[in-house]
Protein backbone atom coordinates (compact mmCIF):
# COMPACT_ATOMS: atom_id res chain seq x y z
CA UNK A 1 -17.89 -6.68 -119.47
CA UNK A 2 -15.24 -5.36 -117.22
CA UNK A 3 -16.21 -1.77 -117.87
CA UNK A 4 -19.81 -2.64 -117.09
CA UNK A 5 -18.87 -3.97 -113.73
CA UNK A 6 -17.05 -0.81 -112.74
CA UNK A 7 -20.19 1.35 -112.74
CA UNK A 8 -21.90 -1.33 -110.79
CA UNK A 9 -19.21 -1.21 -108.16
CA UNK A 10 -19.39 2.55 -108.03
CA UNK A 11 -23.12 2.34 -107.65
CA UNK A 12 -22.73 -0.11 -104.88
CA UNK A 13 -20.26 2.20 -103.20
CA UNK A 14 -22.60 5.09 -103.77
CA UNK A 15 -25.53 3.19 -102.40
CA UNK A 16 -23.70 1.97 -99.33
CA UNK A 17 -23.27 5.13 -97.24
CA UNK A 18 -26.24 4.22 -95.08
CA UNK A 19 -24.78 0.76 -94.44
CA UNK A 20 -21.37 2.22 -93.81
CA UNK A 21 -22.87 4.53 -91.23
CA UNK A 22 -24.28 1.53 -89.31
CA UNK A 23 -21.01 -0.44 -89.17
CA UNK A 24 -19.20 1.91 -86.74
CA UNK A 25 -22.03 1.37 -84.26
CA UNK A 26 -21.44 -2.37 -84.47
CA UNK A 27 -17.71 -1.87 -83.91
CA UNK A 28 -18.38 0.25 -80.83
CA UNK A 29 -20.68 -2.38 -79.38
CA UNK A 30 -18.16 -5.15 -79.93
CA UNK A 31 -15.13 -3.05 -78.96
CA UNK A 32 -12.72 -5.26 -77.09
CA UNK A 33 -11.98 -2.53 -74.58
CA UNK A 34 -15.61 -2.45 -73.64
CA UNK A 35 -15.72 -6.20 -73.30
CA UNK A 36 -12.49 -6.17 -71.32
CA UNK A 37 -13.89 -3.55 -68.94
CA UNK A 38 -17.11 -5.48 -68.59
CA UNK A 39 -15.26 -8.69 -67.81
CA UNK A 40 -13.10 -6.90 -65.22
CA UNK A 41 -16.18 -5.43 -63.53
CA UNK A 42 -17.89 -8.77 -63.43
CA UNK A 43 -14.79 -10.46 -62.04
CA UNK A 44 -14.45 -7.84 -59.27
CA UNK A 45 -18.13 -8.21 -58.35
CA UNK A 46 -17.78 -11.98 -58.39
CA UNK A 47 -14.66 -11.79 -56.19
CA UNK A 48 -16.48 -9.56 -53.72
CA UNK A 49 -19.50 -11.84 -53.61
CA UNK A 50 -17.51 -15.07 -53.34
CA UNK A 51 -15.54 -15.62 -50.11
CA UNK A 52 -12.27 -17.52 -50.26
CA UNK A 53 -12.62 -21.09 -49.12
CA UNK A 54 -9.30 -21.06 -47.27
CA UNK A 55 -7.67 -18.04 -45.55
CA UNK A 56 -4.42 -16.67 -46.85
CA UNK A 57 -1.20 -17.04 -44.87
CA UNK A 58 -1.44 -13.49 -43.52
CA UNK A 59 -5.08 -13.90 -42.50
CA UNK A 60 -4.27 -17.18 -40.80
CA UNK A 61 -1.40 -15.59 -38.92
CA UNK A 62 -3.59 -12.64 -37.82
CA UNK A 63 -6.26 -15.08 -36.67
CA UNK A 64 -3.69 -16.93 -34.57
CA UNK A 65 -2.46 -13.68 -33.04
CA UNK A 66 -6.01 -12.60 -32.20
CA UNK A 67 -6.73 -15.98 -30.62
CA UNK A 68 -3.52 -15.77 -28.58
CA UNK A 69 -4.43 -12.28 -27.36
CA UNK A 70 -7.91 -13.45 -26.41
CA UNK A 71 -6.54 -16.37 -24.43
CA UNK A 72 -3.95 -14.13 -22.78
CA UNK A 73 -6.63 -11.64 -21.66
CA UNK A 74 -8.74 -14.48 -20.29
CA UNK A 75 -5.74 -15.83 -18.38
CA UNK A 76 -4.96 -12.39 -16.95
CA UNK A 77 -8.56 -11.99 -15.82
CA UNK A 78 -8.48 -15.42 -14.18
CA UNK A 79 -5.23 -14.58 -12.40
CA UNK A 80 -6.62 -11.22 -11.21
CA UNK A 81 -9.76 -12.88 -9.89
CA UNK A 82 -7.77 -15.61 -8.13
CA UNK A 83 -5.41 -13.02 -6.65
CA UNK A 84 -8.35 -10.98 -5.33
CA UNK A 85 -9.92 -14.08 -3.77
CA UNK A 86 -6.61 -15.12 -2.20
CA UNK A 87 -6.04 -11.61 -0.83
CA UNK A 88 -9.52 -11.48 0.69
CA UNK A 89 -9.07 -14.94 2.20
CA UNK A 90 -5.66 -14.04 3.71
CA UNK A 91 -6.99 -10.76 5.11
CA UNK A 92 -9.94 -12.54 6.71
CA UNK A 93 -7.62 -15.19 8.18
CA UNK A 94 -5.28 -12.49 9.48
CA UNK A 95 -8.11 -10.59 11.14
CA UNK A 96 -9.36 -13.81 12.76
CA UNK A 97 -5.92 -14.71 14.13
CA UNK A 98 -5.37 -11.14 15.32
CA UNK A 99 -8.67 -11.19 17.23
CA UNK A 100 -7.74 -14.51 18.86
CA UNK A 101 -4.31 -13.17 19.78
CA UNK A 102 -5.86 -10.12 21.41
CA UNK A 103 -8.18 -12.33 23.41
CA UNK A 104 -5.32 -14.54 24.56
CA UNK A 105 -3.33 -11.45 25.54
CA UNK A 106 -6.03 -9.55 27.40
CA UNK A 107 -8.01 -12.33 29.03
CA UNK A 108 -5.39 -13.15 31.73
CA UNK A 109 -5.27 -9.52 32.86
CA UNK A 110 -8.93 -9.59 33.77
CA UNK A 111 -7.87 -11.56 36.85
CA UNK A 112 -5.71 -8.61 37.86
CA UNK A 113 -8.64 -6.26 37.49
CA UNK A 114 -10.81 -8.62 39.56
CA UNK A 115 -8.25 -8.57 42.39
CA UNK A 116 -8.07 -4.79 42.35
CA UNK A 117 -11.84 -4.53 42.56
CA UNK A 118 -11.95 -7.02 45.44
CA UNK A 119 -9.26 -5.06 47.30
CA UNK A 120 -11.17 -1.81 46.91
CA UNK A 121 -14.40 -3.50 47.99
CA UNK A 122 -12.74 -4.93 51.09
CA UNK A 123 -11.33 -1.51 52.01
CA UNK A 124 -14.68 0.18 51.49
CA UNK A 125 -16.51 -2.15 53.91
CA UNK A 126 -14.21 -1.46 56.81
CA UNK A 127 -11.10 -3.41 55.98
CA UNK A 128 -7.87 -2.24 57.56
CA UNK A 129 -5.02 -0.54 55.83
CA UNK A 130 -2.91 -3.64 56.15
CA UNK A 131 -5.51 -5.74 54.37
CA UNK A 132 -5.60 -3.24 51.53
CA UNK A 133 -1.82 -3.30 51.20
CA UNK A 134 -1.79 -7.08 51.17
CA UNK A 135 -4.43 -7.12 48.46
CA UNK A 136 -2.44 -4.69 46.35
CA UNK A 137 0.74 -6.72 46.75
CA UNK A 138 -1.07 -9.87 45.68
CA UNK A 139 -2.46 -8.05 42.66
CA UNK A 140 0.98 -6.77 41.65
CA UNK A 141 2.38 -10.29 41.98
CA UNK A 142 -0.43 -11.68 39.82
CA UNK A 143 0.10 -8.97 37.23
CA UNK A 144 3.83 -9.72 37.01
CA UNK A 145 3.07 -13.41 36.67
CA UNK A 146 0.79 -12.67 33.73
CA UNK A 147 3.50 -10.56 32.14
CA UNK A 148 6.02 -13.38 32.48
CA UNK A 149 3.75 -15.67 30.48
CA UNK A 150 4.39 -13.27 27.59
CA UNK A 151 8.17 -13.19 28.23
CA UNK A 152 7.99 -9.74 29.83
CA UNK A 153 10.40 -9.27 32.75
CA UNK A 154 11.33 -6.20 34.83
CA UNK A 155 14.90 -4.93 34.48
CA UNK A 156 16.96 -4.84 37.66
CA UNK A 157 19.00 -1.63 37.54
CA UNK A 158 18.89 -0.31 41.12
CA UNK A 159 22.27 -0.28 42.92
CA UNK A 160 24.02 -1.25 39.72
CA UNK A 161 26.33 0.68 37.36
CA UNK A 162 24.39 2.92 35.04
CA UNK A 163 23.88 1.30 31.63
CA UNK A 164 22.58 3.70 28.98
CA UNK A 165 21.37 0.71 26.94
CA UNK A 166 18.89 -0.21 29.68
CA UNK A 167 18.24 3.03 31.56
CA UNK A 168 17.60 6.69 30.96
CA UNK A 169 19.08 9.11 33.46
CA UNK A 170 16.60 11.78 34.50
CA UNK A 171 18.88 13.52 36.99
CA UNK A 172 22.16 13.29 38.87
CA UNK A 173 22.31 12.89 42.63
CA UNK A 174 25.38 13.88 44.63
CA UNK A 175 26.81 10.98 46.68
CA UNK A 176 29.51 11.00 49.33
CA UNK A 177 30.60 7.43 48.64
CA UNK A 178 33.10 7.23 45.79
CA UNK A 179 31.97 3.66 45.08
CA UNK A 180 28.47 4.94 44.20
CA UNK A 181 29.77 7.29 41.51
CA UNK A 182 28.03 6.43 38.24
CA UNK A 183 25.68 3.95 39.87
CA UNK A 184 21.88 3.96 39.85
CA UNK A 185 20.81 5.23 43.28
CA UNK A 186 17.07 5.61 42.60
CA UNK A 187 14.58 4.01 40.25
CA UNK A 188 11.92 6.51 39.17
CA UNK A 189 10.21 4.27 36.60
CA UNK A 190 10.84 0.58 36.24
CA UNK A 191 12.05 -0.74 32.91
CA UNK A 192 10.96 -3.95 31.17
CA UNK A 193 12.32 -6.27 28.51
CA UNK A 194 10.51 -8.78 26.33
CA UNK A 195 12.85 -11.66 25.75
CA UNK A 196 16.14 -10.13 24.63
CA UNK A 197 14.52 -6.93 23.36
CA UNK A 198 14.11 -3.79 25.44
CA UNK A 199 10.43 -3.06 25.94
CA UNK A 200 10.85 0.11 28.01
CA UNK A 201 13.97 1.74 29.42
CA UNK A 202 14.10 2.41 33.13
CA UNK A 203 14.09 6.04 34.32
CA UNK A 204 16.69 6.44 37.02
CA UNK A 205 18.75 8.90 39.04
CA UNK A 206 22.49 8.40 38.87
CA UNK A 207 24.92 9.09 41.68
CA UNK A 208 27.80 11.52 41.21
CA UNK A 209 30.60 11.59 43.74
CA UNK A 210 31.23 14.89 45.43
CA UNK A 211 33.87 15.22 48.10
CA UNK A 212 32.54 16.62 51.34
CA UNK A 213 34.00 19.96 52.26
CA UNK A 214 34.14 20.97 55.89
CA UNK A 215 32.62 24.36 56.33
CA UNK A 216 34.13 26.54 58.99
CA UNK A 217 33.15 30.02 59.91
CA UNK A 218 35.65 32.39 61.39
CA UNK A 219 34.63 35.27 63.45
């Protein structure tokens, strides 16, 4: 019985090569490495298709930084716009005040011009020389009065010791009086001050003492 089974087993082994050839195909289909690779590919595709419900810590931090930068840029733009509006408003206000200041400064001097025109008109219609001089004197007085309203005063330097802080010497004039040495003997151009500040220095001639020498001619 046992020996009869052996040929049967050998026949089965001999008749099984076709079946044995099919089994490797089944092993390749069910190879775990293939299934593992397929699972990994499916998981990657699923991860790409599915978005995370909550951001990670790094993504949340980057989002906060981006939001802070956006708010900072908006604040800078608002500040720049407000600065530009403030600058334009200040410039317009400055120009308005400057125009008003010019009007206040120049308007009083129109009276001086009116007086000069009236003096010339009076002289042209037969007025005397004396009338013209009187008109000019009145105009000069009015002009000085207008200057004083702006704190402008003439500097008195004539017949006083020369002061280089107030006057500019244009020449030296010989004087016989020793007491006049270094004094202002002539005022070429009047000087003015505005308050305590020098507006224009006076141009003067300064005396210089020179002893008189008697000239004698001998024959």
